[in-house]
Amino acid sequence: MSSQKVTGDKLISIEPGEFGIYYSLLTEENLPNSFADEANSTLIIYNEKPNKIIKYPWRLEYMAGFGESFLSFEDLLDNRLGVRRMGVLRMDVDNLGKTLRKAYEQKLPLASFAHKSRQLDKFFKQRLHQIWLRDYIDSVIIIYSGGDDLFIVGNWVNVLKFAKTINQLFVETFSEDQISLSAGISLVESKFPIIRAAESAANEESVAKQFGYVDTKGISRFKQSISIFSTALRWNVEFKKIIDLCETWENLLRNQEKKEVLCRL
């Protein structure tokens, strides 16, 4: 890629370690034309110049959860369902080691390994970021998402929905790989210490990681679940029913709100 000037008031360049490597944060409106396919992404570009010129050598990284505004935990709460709780979600990839070892068996082992690692990183940093911008930016905060795991906080209903969306997209994206997602969710009050809430969600994730069952075809299945209240739930069975129930509640409340407005009119 030839050198291109990057314009825009939101471009930030910093040199945190004073090692001659500058970090430039770019959002969609100030991406060069070469990055047109990265729409709805936020990227960090490492280069050797503190100015607005992208030139070799450089490295591009995605950044999940970067938005225009910052919400407090109180802002995330949703009172419509009558439960003032935040959902804290931890999620991790299952059987990743086995998949990466399989990559080493390919004709070009290092290239295959790097491709699979990059594919996972792009999923957790770019794809999730795009979904978050589209559907959850006002109700969920992505504290961390990258590599093979994530940590998010938000109003409990949308955290459940986001978890479902992430799992569905993951299954579609990595259908040819023997990997899956395990997750744990804790429900806490907005003033509950976030570090302890994260530990609680991690404990729930461990419950999901230890889950096993025999499916209708007599095949043993392991992990591939999400745990809430120390109970592991299969993504497309018990957890799906929980999501359906939440959506039913929301529709009932939404219709009730409409009736109240019409009555006042």
C-alpha atoms as a PDB file:
ATOM      1  CA  MET A   1       0.000   0.000   0.000  1.00  0.00           C
ATOM      2  CA  SER A   2       1.387   3.409  -0.920  1.00  0.00           C
ATOM      3  CA  SER A   3       1.555   6.207   1.625  1.00  0.00           C
ATOM      4  CA  GLN A   4      -1.751   7.987   2.079  1.00  0.00           C
ATOM      5  CA  LYS A   5      -2.729  11.023   4.032  1.00  0.00           C
ATOM      6  CA  VAL A   6      -5.295  10.423   6.753  1.00  0.00           C
ATOM      7  CA  THR A   7      -7.512  13.356   7.672  1.00  0.00           C
ATOM      8  CA  GLY A   8     -10.084  13.883  10.381  1.00  0.00           C
ATOM      9  CA  ASP A   9     -10.268  15.593  13.753  1.00  0.00           C
ATOM     10  CA  LYS A  10     -10.622  12.305  15.612  1.00  0.00           C
ATOM     11  CA  LEU A  11      -7.220  10.921  14.607  1.00  0.00           C
ATOM     12  CA  ILE A  12      -5.052  10.398  17.688  1.00  0.00           C
ATOM     13  CA  SER A  13      -1.337   9.584  17.549  1.00  0.00           C
ATOM     14  CA  ILE A  14       0.628   8.751  20.699  1.00  0.00           C
ATOM     15  CA  GLU A  15       4.018   7.293  21.561  1.00  0.00           C
ATOM     16  CA  PRO A  16       3.422   5.728  25.012  1.00  0.00           C
ATOM     17  CA  GLY A  17       6.740   3.919  25.412  1.00  0.00           C
ATOM     18  CA  GLU A  18       9.045   6.428  23.688  1.00  0.00           C
ATOM     19  CA  PHE A  19      10.434   3.637  21.528  1.00  0.00           C
ATOM     20  CA  GLY A  20       9.743   5.344  18.212  1.00  0.00           C
ATOM     21  CA  ILE A  21       6.503   3.419  17.636  1.00  0.00           C
ATOM     22  CA  TYR A  22       3.398   5.555  17.360  1.00  0.00           C
ATOM     23  CA  TYR A  23      -0.160   4.337  17.838  1.00  0.00           C
ATOM     24  CA  SER A  24      -2.770   5.993  15.631  1.00  0.00           C
ATOM     25  CA  LEU A  25      -6.432   5.453  16.426  1.00  0.00           C
ATOM     26  CA  LEU A  26      -8.668   5.630  13.370  1.00  0.00           C
ATOM     27  CA  THR A  27     -12.435   5.440  13.076  1.00  0.00           C
ATOM     28  CA  GLU A  28     -14.553   4.946   9.983  1.00  0.00           C
ATOM     29  CA  GLU A  29     -14.684   8.606   8.913  1.00  0.00           C
ATOM     30  CA  ASN A  30     -10.900   8.956   8.664  1.00  0.00           C
ATOM     31  CA  LEU A  31      -9.927   5.616   7.152  1.00  0.00           C
ATOM     32  CA  PRO A  32      -7.958   5.722   3.884  1.00  0.00           C
ATOM     33  CA  ASN A  33      -9.650   4.341   0.775  1.00  0.00           C
ATOM     34  CA  SER A  34      -7.563   1.164   1.023  1.00  0.00           C
ATOM     35  CA  PHE A  35      -9.532   0.286   4.167  1.00  0.00           C
ATOM     36  CA  ALA A  36     -12.989   0.764   2.640  1.00  0.00           C
ATOM     37  CA  ASP A  37     -13.888  -2.842   3.473  1.00  0.00           C
ATOM     38  CA  GLU A  38     -13.314  -2.137   7.174  1.00  0.00           C
ATOM     39  CA  ALA A  39     -16.442   0.025   7.542  1.00  0.00           C
ATOM     40  CA  ASN A  40     -17.957   0.104  11.036  1.00  0.00           C
ATOM     41  CA  SER A  41     -14.602  -0.887  12.519  1.00  0.00           C
ATOM     42  CA  THR A  42     -12.245   0.935  14.819  1.00  0.00           C
ATOM     43  CA  LEU A  43      -8.589   0.276  14.166  1.00  0.00           C
ATOM     44  CA  ILE A  44      -5.222   0.978  15.694  1.00  0.00           C
ATOM     45  CA  ILE A  45      -2.308   1.412  13.300  1.00  0.00           C
ATOM     46  CA  TYR A  46       1.256   1.123  14.556  1.00  0.00           C
ATOM     47  CA  ASN A  47       3.796   3.086  12.499  1.00  0.00           C
ATOM     48  CA  GLU A  48       7.047   5.013  12.774  1.00  0.00           C
ATOM     49  CA  LYS A  49       5.761   8.543  12.249  1.00  0.00           C
ATOM     50  CA  PRO A  50       3.672  10.698  14.623  1.00  0.00           C
ATOM     51  CA  ASN A  51       2.028  12.533  11.708  1.00  0.00           C
ATOM     52  CA  LYS A  52      -1.049  11.729   9.652  1.00  0.00           C
ATOM     53  CA  ILE A  53       0.768   9.671   7.023  1.00  0.00           C
ATOM     54  CA  ILE A  54       0.448   5.868   6.999  1.00  0.00           C
ATOM     55  CA  LYS A  55       3.614   4.284   5.642  1.00  0.00           C
ATOM     56  CA  TYR A  56       5.671   1.134   6.045  1.00  0.00           C
ATOM     57  CA  PRO A  57       6.358  -0.492   8.392  1.00  0.00           C
ATOM     58  CA  TRP A  58       2.934  -0.612   9.963  1.00  0.00           C
ATOM     59  CA  ARG A  59       0.611  -3.070  11.655  1.00  0.00           C
ATOM     60  CA  LEU A  60      -3.159  -2.804  11.828  1.00  0.00           C
ATOM     61  CA  GLU A  61      -5.231  -4.024  14.768  1.00  0.00           C
ATOM     62  CA  TYR A  62      -8.958  -3.895  15.414  1.00  0.00           C
ATOM     63  CA  MET A  63     -10.379  -2.447  18.604  1.00  0.00           C
ATOM     64  CA  ALA A  64     -13.706  -3.586  20.055  1.00  0.00           C
ATOM     65  CA  GLY A  65     -15.997  -1.476  22.205  1.00  0.00           C
ATOM     66  CA  PHE A  66     -14.813   1.999  21.228  1.00  0.00           C
ATOM     67  CA  GLY A  67     -17.796   4.346  20.885  1.00  0.00           C
ATOM     68  CA  GLU A  68     -18.725   8.014  20.819  1.00  0.00           C
ATOM     69  CA  SER A  69     -19.863   8.174  24.455  1.00  0.00           C
ATOM     70  CA  PHE A  70     -19.218   6.462  27.752  1.00  0.00           C
ATOM     71  CA  LEU A  71     -22.021   5.105  29.920  1.00  0.00           C
ATOM     72  CA  SER A  72     -22.057   4.536  33.664  1.00  0.00           C
ATOM     73  CA  PHE A  73     -23.294   1.241  35.068  1.00  0.00           C
ATOM     74  CA  GLU A  74     -26.439   3.056  36.226  1.00  0.00           C
ATOM     75  CA  ASP A  75     -27.070   4.141  32.630  1.00  0.00           C
ATOM     76  CA  LEU A  76     -27.075   0.503  31.547  1.00  0.00           C
ATOM     77  CA  LEU A  77     -29.931  -0.589  33.802  1.00  0.00           C
ATOM     78  CA  ASP A  78     -33.294  -1.388  32.223  1.00  0.00           C
ATOM     79  CA  ASN A  79     -36.296  -0.998  34.512  1.00  0.00           C
ATOM     80  CA  ARG A  80     -38.910  -2.323  32.083  1.00  0.00           C
ATOM     81  CA  LEU A  81     -38.731  -5.914  33.261  1.00  0.00           C
ATOM     82  CA  GLY A  82     -38.778  -4.911  36.914  1.00  0.00           C
ATOM     83  CA  VAL A  83     -35.290  -6.271  37.701  1.00  0.00           C
ATOM     84  CA  ARG A  84     -32.574  -3.649  38.201  1.00  0.00           C
ATOM     85  CA  ARG A  85     -29.586  -5.851  37.514  1.00  0.00           C
ATOM     86  CA  MET A  86     -26.528  -5.770  35.320  1.00  0.00           C
ATOM     87  CA  GLY A  87     -25.395  -8.809  33.395  1.00  0.00           C
ATOM     88  CA  VAL A  88     -21.680  -9.613  33.477  1.00  0.00           C
ATOM     89  CA  LEU A  89     -20.604 -11.984  30.709  1.00  0.00           C
ATOM     90  CA  ARG A  90     -17.366 -13.952  30.344  1.00  0.00           C
ATOM     91  CA  MET A  91     -16.921 -16.103  27.249  1.00  0.00           C
ATOM     92  CA  ASP A  92     -14.133 -18.361  26.027  1.00  0.00           C
ATOM     93  CA  VAL A  93     -13.399 -20.642  23.051  1.00  0.00           C
ATOM     94  CA  ASP A  94     -13.479 -24.425  23.645  1.00  0.00           C
ATOM     95  CA  ASN A  95     -10.940 -26.861  22.178  1.00  0.00           C
ATOM     96  CA  LEU A  96      -8.786 -24.079  20.754  1.00  0.00           C
ATOM     97  CA  GLY A  97      -5.541 -25.947  21.412  1.00  0.00           C
ATOM     98  CA  LYS A  98      -6.729 -28.915  19.375  1.00  0.00           C
ATOM     99  CA  THR A  99      -7.682 -26.643  16.476  1.00  0.00           C
ATOM    100  CA  LEU A 100      -4.343 -24.822  16.493  1.00  0.00           C
ATOM    101  CA  ARG A 101      -2.439 -28.111  16.641  1.00  0.00           C
ATOM    102  CA  LYS A 102      -4.407 -29.236  13.606  1.00  0.00           C
ATOM    103  CA  ALA A 103      -3.275 -26.082  11.809  1.00  0.00           C
ATOM    104  CA  TYR A 104       0.315 -27.211  12.277  1.00  0.00           C
ATOM    105  CA  GLU A 105      -0.479 -30.373  10.332  1.00  0.00           C
ATOM    106  CA  GLN A 106      -1.240 -28.405   7.178  1.00  0.00           C
ATOM    107  CA  LYS A 107       1.138 -27.976   4.255  1.00  0.00           C
ATOM    108  CA  LEU A 108       2.148 -24.516   5.462  1.00  0.00           C
ATOM    109  CA  PRO A 109       1.932 -24.935   9.272  1.00  0.00           C
ATOM    110  CA  LEU A 110       3.050 -21.469  10.380  1.00  0.00           C
ATOM    111  CA  ALA A 111       0.844 -19.725   7.826  1.00  0.00           C
ATOM    112  CA  SER A 112      -2.133 -21.930   8.792  1.00  0.00           C
ATOM    113  CA  PHE A 113      -1.562 -21.246  12.480  1.00  0.00           C
ATOM    114  CA  ALA A 114      -1.298 -17.486  11.902  1.00  0.00           C
ATOM    115  CA  HIS A 115      -4.429 -17.500   9.714  1.00  0.00           C
ATOM    116  CA  LYS A 116      -6.534 -19.279  12.336  1.00  0.00           C
ATOM    117  CA  SER A 117      -5.240 -17.040  15.118  1.00  0.00           C
ATOM    118  CA  ARG A 118      -5.944 -13.934  13.065  1.00  0.00           C
ATOM    119  CA  GLN A 119      -9.407 -15.208  12.128  1.00  0.00           C
ATOM    120  CA  LEU A 120     -10.329 -15.588  15.807  1.00  0.00           C
ATOM    121  CA  ASP A 121      -8.889 -12.204  16.700  1.00  0.00           C
ATOM    122  CA  LYS A 122     -10.818 -10.528  13.877  1.00  0.00           C
ATOM    123  CA  PHE A 123     -14.026 -12.223  15.013  1.00  0.00           C
ATOM    124  CA  PHE A 124     -13.739 -10.989  18.607  1.00  0.00           C
ATOM    125  CA  LYS A 125     -12.460  -7.510  17.727  1.00  0.00           C
ATOM    126  CA  GLN A 126     -14.104  -6.560  14.437  1.00  0.00           C
ATOM    127  CA  ARG A 127     -17.293  -8.598  13.978  1.00  0.00           C
ATOM    128  CA  LEU A 128     -18.408  -8.188  17.589  1.00  0.00           C
ATOM    129  CA  HIS A 129     -17.651  -4.496  17.418  1.00  0.00           C
ATOM    130  CA  GLN A 130     -19.863  -4.112  14.349  1.00  0.00           C
ATOM    131  CA  ILE A 131     -22.768  -5.919  16.037  1.00  0.00           C
ATOM    132  CA  TRP A 132     -22.271  -3.858  19.186  1.00  0.00           C
ATOM    133  CA  LEU A 133     -22.373  -0.588  17.216  1.00  0.00           C
ATOM    134  CA  ARG A 134     -25.528  -1.702  15.426  1.00  0.00           C
ATOM    135  CA  ASP A 135     -27.582  -3.134  18.297  1.00  0.00           C
ATOM    136  CA  TYR A 136     -26.035  -2.753  21.747  1.00  0.00           C
ATOM    137  CA  ILE A 137     -24.001   0.451  22.026  1.00  0.00           C
ATOM    138  CA  ASP A 138     -26.587   2.063  24.339  1.00  0.00           C
ATOM    139  CA  SER A 139     -26.999  -0.892  26.674  1.00  0.00           C
ATOM    140  CA  VAL A 140     -23.726  -2.864  26.771  1.00  0.00           C
ATOM    141  CA  ILE A 141     -20.082  -2.032  27.450  1.00  0.00           C
ATOM    142  CA  ILE A 142     -17.353  -4.195  25.924  1.00  0.00           C
ATOM    143  CA  ILE A 143     -14.621  -4.188  28.541  1.00  0.00           C
ATOM    144  CA  TYR A 144     -12.457  -6.600  26.603  1.00  0.00           C
ATOM    145  CA  SER A 145     -12.851  -8.671  23.456  1.00  0.00           C
ATOM    146  CA  GLY A 146      -9.958 -10.229  21.575  1.00  0.00           C
ATOM    147  CA  GLY A 147      -7.865 -13.324  21.093  1.00  0.00           C
ATOM    148  CA  ASP A 148     -10.287 -16.074  22.084  1.00  0.00           C
ATOM    149  CA  ASP A 149     -12.354 -14.561  24.883  1.00  0.00           C
ATOM    150  CA  LEU A 150     -14.411 -11.568  25.942  1.00  0.00           C
ATOM    151  CA  PHE A 151     -15.748  -9.707  28.968  1.00  0.00           C
ATOM    152  CA  ILE A 152     -18.812  -7.462  28.694  1.00  0.00           C
ATOM    153  CA  VAL A 153     -21.195  -5.677  31.073  1.00  0.00           C
ATOM    154  CA  GLY A 154     -24.659  -4.329  30.384  1.00  0.00           C
ATOM    155  CA  ASN A 155     -28.342  -4.427  31.227  1.00  0.00           C
ATOM    156  CA  TRP A 156     -29.056  -8.065  31.897  1.00  0.00           C
ATOM    157  CA  VAL A 157     -31.628  -8.633  29.126  1.00  0.00           C
ATOM    158  CA  ASN A 158     -29.384  -7.319  26.362  1.00  0.00           C
ATOM    159  CA  VAL A 159     -26.365  -9.159  27.726  1.00  0.00           C
ATOM    160  CA  LEU A 160     -28.348 -12.393  27.368  1.00  0.00           C
ATOM    161  CA  LYS A 161     -29.371 -11.439  23.820  1.00  0.00           C
ATOM    162  CA  PHE A 162     -25.830 -10.395  22.904  1.00  0.00           C
ATOM    163  CA  ALA A 163     -24.487 -13.719  24.176  1.00  0.00           C
ATOM    164  CA  LYS A 164     -26.973 -15.555  21.983  1.00  0.00           C
ATOM    165  CA  THR A 165     -26.025 -13.455  18.933  1.00  0.00           C
ATOM    166  CA  ILE A 166     -22.306 -13.991  19.524  1.00  0.00           C
ATOM    167  CA  ASN A 167     -22.722 -17.751  19.776  1.00  0.00           C
ATOM    168  CA  GLN A 168     -24.851 -17.947  16.627  1.00  0.00           C
ATOM    169  CA  LEU A 169     -22.329 -15.920  14.652  1.00  0.00           C
ATOM    170  CA  PHE A 170     -19.440 -17.970  16.038  1.00  0.00           C
ATOM    171  CA  VAL A 171     -21.066 -21.237  14.969  1.00  0.00           C
ATOM    172  CA  GLU A 172     -21.620 -19.844  11.460  1.00  0.00           C
ATOM    173  CA  THR A 173     -18.097 -18.437  11.160  1.00  0.00           C
ATOM    174  CA  PHE A 174     -16.238 -21.502  12.446  1.00  0.00           C
ATOM    175  CA  SER A 175     -18.539 -24.254  11.197  1.00  0.00           C
ATOM    176  CA  GLU A 176     -15.584 -26.171   9.740  1.00  0.00           C
ATOM    177  CA  ASP A 177     -13.600 -26.147  12.993  1.00  0.00           C
ATOM    178  CA  GLN A 178     -14.093 -28.278  16.088  1.00  0.00           C
ATOM    179  CA  ILE A 179     -14.406 -25.303  18.379  1.00  0.00           C
ATOM    180  CA  SER A 180     -17.314 -23.856  20.322  1.00  0.00           C
ATOM    181  CA  LEU A 181     -18.042 -21.248  22.986  1.00  0.00           C
ATOM    182  CA  SER A 182     -18.572 -21.628  26.705  1.00  0.00           C
ATOM    183  CA  ALA A 183     -19.864 -18.694  28.706  1.00  0.00           C
ATOM    184  CA  GLY A 184     -20.835 -17.596  32.193  1.00  0.00           C
ATOM    185  CA  ILE A 185     -23.152 -14.783  33.285  1.00  0.00           C
ATOM    186  CA  SER A 186     -23.557 -13.252  36.721  1.00  0.00           C
ATOM    187  CA  LEU A 187     -26.365 -10.829  37.608  1.00  0.00           C
ATOM    188  CA  VAL A 188     -25.405  -8.029  40.008  1.00  0.00           C
ATOM    189  CA  GLU A 189     -26.523  -4.602  41.166  1.00  0.00           C
ATOM    190  CA  SER A 190     -24.938  -1.554  39.573  1.00  0.00           C
ATOM    191  CA  LYS A 191     -22.931  -0.704  42.703  1.00  0.00           C
ATOM    192  CA  PHE A 192     -21.571  -4.229  43.099  1.00  0.00           C
ATOM    193  CA  PRO A 193     -17.729  -4.289  42.757  1.00  0.00           C
ATOM    194  CA  ILE A 194     -17.014  -5.085  39.122  1.00  0.00           C
ATOM    195  CA  ILE A 195     -13.920  -7.164  39.996  1.00  0.00           C
ATOM    196  CA  ARG A 196     -15.999  -9.504  42.147  1.00  0.00           C
ATOM    197  CA  ALA A 197     -18.703  -9.630  39.472  1.00  0.00           C
ATOM    198  CA  ALA A 198     -16.038 -10.637  36.946  1.00  0.00           C
ATOM    199  CA  GLU A 199     -14.844 -13.407  39.268  1.00  0.00           C
ATOM    200  CA  SER A 200     -18.416 -14.619  39.670  1.00  0.00           C
ATOM    201  CA  ALA A 201     -18.893 -14.704  35.890  1.00  0.00           C
ATOM    202  CA  ALA A 202     -15.585 -16.593  35.562  1.00  0.00           C
ATOM    203  CA  ASN A 203     -16.848 -19.174  38.062  1.00  0.00           C
ATOM    204  CA  GLU A 204     -20.028 -19.533  35.996  1.00  0.00           C
ATOM    205  CA  GLU A 205     -17.882 -20.000  32.893  1.00  0.00           C
ATOM    206  CA  SER A 206     -16.025 -22.832  34.680  1.00  0.00           C
ATOM    207  CA  VAL A 207     -19.375 -24.548  35.290  1.00  0.00           C
ATOM    208  CA  ALA A 208     -20.081 -24.362  31.554  1.00  0.00           C
ATOM    209  CA  LYS A 209     -16.599 -25.712  30.756  1.00  0.00           C
ATOM    210  CA  GLN A 210     -17.270 -28.778  32.925  1.00  0.00           C
ATOM    211  CA  PHE A 211     -20.692 -29.464  31.417  1.00  0.00           C
ATOM    212  CA  GLY A 212     -21.351 -32.692  29.533  1.00  0.00           C
ATOM    213  CA  TYR A 213     -24.406 -34.528  28.223  1.00  0.00           C
ATOM    214  CA  VAL A 214     -25.507 -37.202  25.744  1.00  0.00           C
ATOM    215  CA  ASP A 215     -27.516 -35.911  22.792  1.00  0.00           C
ATOM    216  CA  THR A 216     -30.505 -37.561  21.112  1.00  0.00           C
ATOM    217  CA  LYS A 217     -28.163 -39.525  18.831  1.00  0.00           C
ATOM    218  CA  GLY A 218     -26.299 -40.996  21.783  1.00  0.00           C
ATOM    219  CA  ILE A 219     -23.209 -38.841  21.175  1.00  0.00           C
ATOM    220  CA  SER A 220     -21.432 -37.371  24.191  1.00  0.00           C
ATOM    221  CA  ARG A 221     -21.142 -33.584  24.069  1.00  0.00           C
ATOM    222  CA  PHE A 222     -18.961 -31.444  26.274  1.00  0.00           C
ATOM    223  CA  LYS A 223     -18.888 -27.735  27.078  1.00  0.00           C
ATOM    224  CA  GLN A 224     -20.812 -25.751  24.386  1.00  0.00           C
ATOM    225  CA  SER A 225     -23.037 -24.147  27.008  1.00  0.00           C
ATOM    226  CA  ILE A 226     -23.683 -21.029  29.048  1.00  0.00           C
ATOM    227  CA  SER A 227     -24.029 -21.045  32.839  1.00  0.00           C
ATOM    228  CA  ILE A 228     -26.326 -18.841  34.935  1.00  0.00           C
ATOM    229  CA  PHE A 229     -26.951 -19.322  38.672  1.00  0.00           C
ATOM    230  CA  SER A 230     -24.448 -22.218  38.635  1.00  0.00           C
ATOM    231  CA  THR A 231     -26.587 -24.072  36.099  1.00  0.00           C
ATOM    232  CA  ALA A 232     -25.188 -24.974  32.666  1.00  0.00           C
ATOM    233  CA  LEU A 233     -27.649 -24.444  29.810  1.00  0.00           C
ATOM    234  CA  ARG A 234     -27.305 -25.693  26.251  1.00  0.00           C
ATOM    235  CA  TRP A 235     -27.201 -22.802  23.806  1.00  0.00           C
ATOM    236  CA  ASN A 236     -29.991 -24.008  21.516  1.00  0.00           C
ATOM    237  CA  VAL A 237     -32.179 -25.733  24.113  1.00  0.00           C
ATOM    238  CA  GLU A 238     -32.570 -24.339  27.649  1.00  0.00           C
ATOM    239  CA  PHE A 239     -30.871 -20.998  26.946  1.00  0.00           C
ATOM    240  CA  LYS A 240     -33.000 -20.449  23.856  1.00  0.00           C
ATOM    241  CA  LYS A 241     -36.127 -20.843  26.010  1.00  0.00           C
ATOM    242  CA  ILE A 242     -34.820 -18.182  28.401  1.00  0.00           C
ATOM    243  CA  ILE A 243     -34.293 -15.757  25.503  1.00  0.00           C
ATOM    244  CA  ASP A 244     -37.769 -16.531  24.162  1.00  0.00           C
ATOM    245  CA  LEU A 245     -39.238 -15.824  27.601  1.00  0.00           C
ATOM    246  CA  CYS A 246     -37.388 -12.488  27.884  1.00  0.00           C
ATOM    247  CA  GLU A 247     -38.631 -11.440  24.455  1.00  0.00           C
ATOM    248  CA  THR A 248     -42.186 -12.413  25.420  1.00  0.00           C
ATOM    249  CA  TRP A 249     -41.955 -10.248  28.546  1.00  0.00           C
ATOM    250  CA  GLU A 250     -40.604  -7.340  26.543  1.00  0.00           C
ATOM    251  CA  ASN A 251     -43.413  -7.585  23.982  1.00  0.00           C
ATOM    252  CA  LEU A 252     -46.054  -7.708  26.710  1.00  0.00           C
ATOM    253  CA  LEU A 253     -44.580  -4.679  28.459  1.00  0.00           C
ATOM    254  CA  ARG A 254     -44.196  -2.798  25.194  1.00  0.00           C
ATOM    255  CA  ASN A 255     -47.863  -3.432  24.358  1.00  0.00           C
ATOM    256  CA  GLN A 256     -48.856  -2.385  27.870  1.00  0.00           C
ATOM    257  CA  GLU A 257     -46.931   0.864  27.488  1.00  0.00           C
ATOM    258  CA  LYS A 258     -48.705   1.539  24.193  1.00  0.00           C
ATOM    259  CA  LYS A 259     -52.098   0.958  25.859  1.00  0.00           C
ATOM    260  CA  GLU A 260     -51.215   3.383  28.673  1.00  0.00           C
ATOM    261  CA  VAL A 261     -50.200   6.067  26.168  1.00  0.00           C
ATOM    262  CA  LEU A 262     -53.437   5.598  24.196  1.00  0.00           C
ATOM    263  CA  CYS A 263     -55.456   5.822  27.429  1.00  0.00           C
ATOM    264  CA  ARG A 264     -53.761   9.106  28.332  1.00  0.00           C
ATOM    265  CA  LEU A 265     -54.507  10.454  24.848  1.00  0.00           C
END
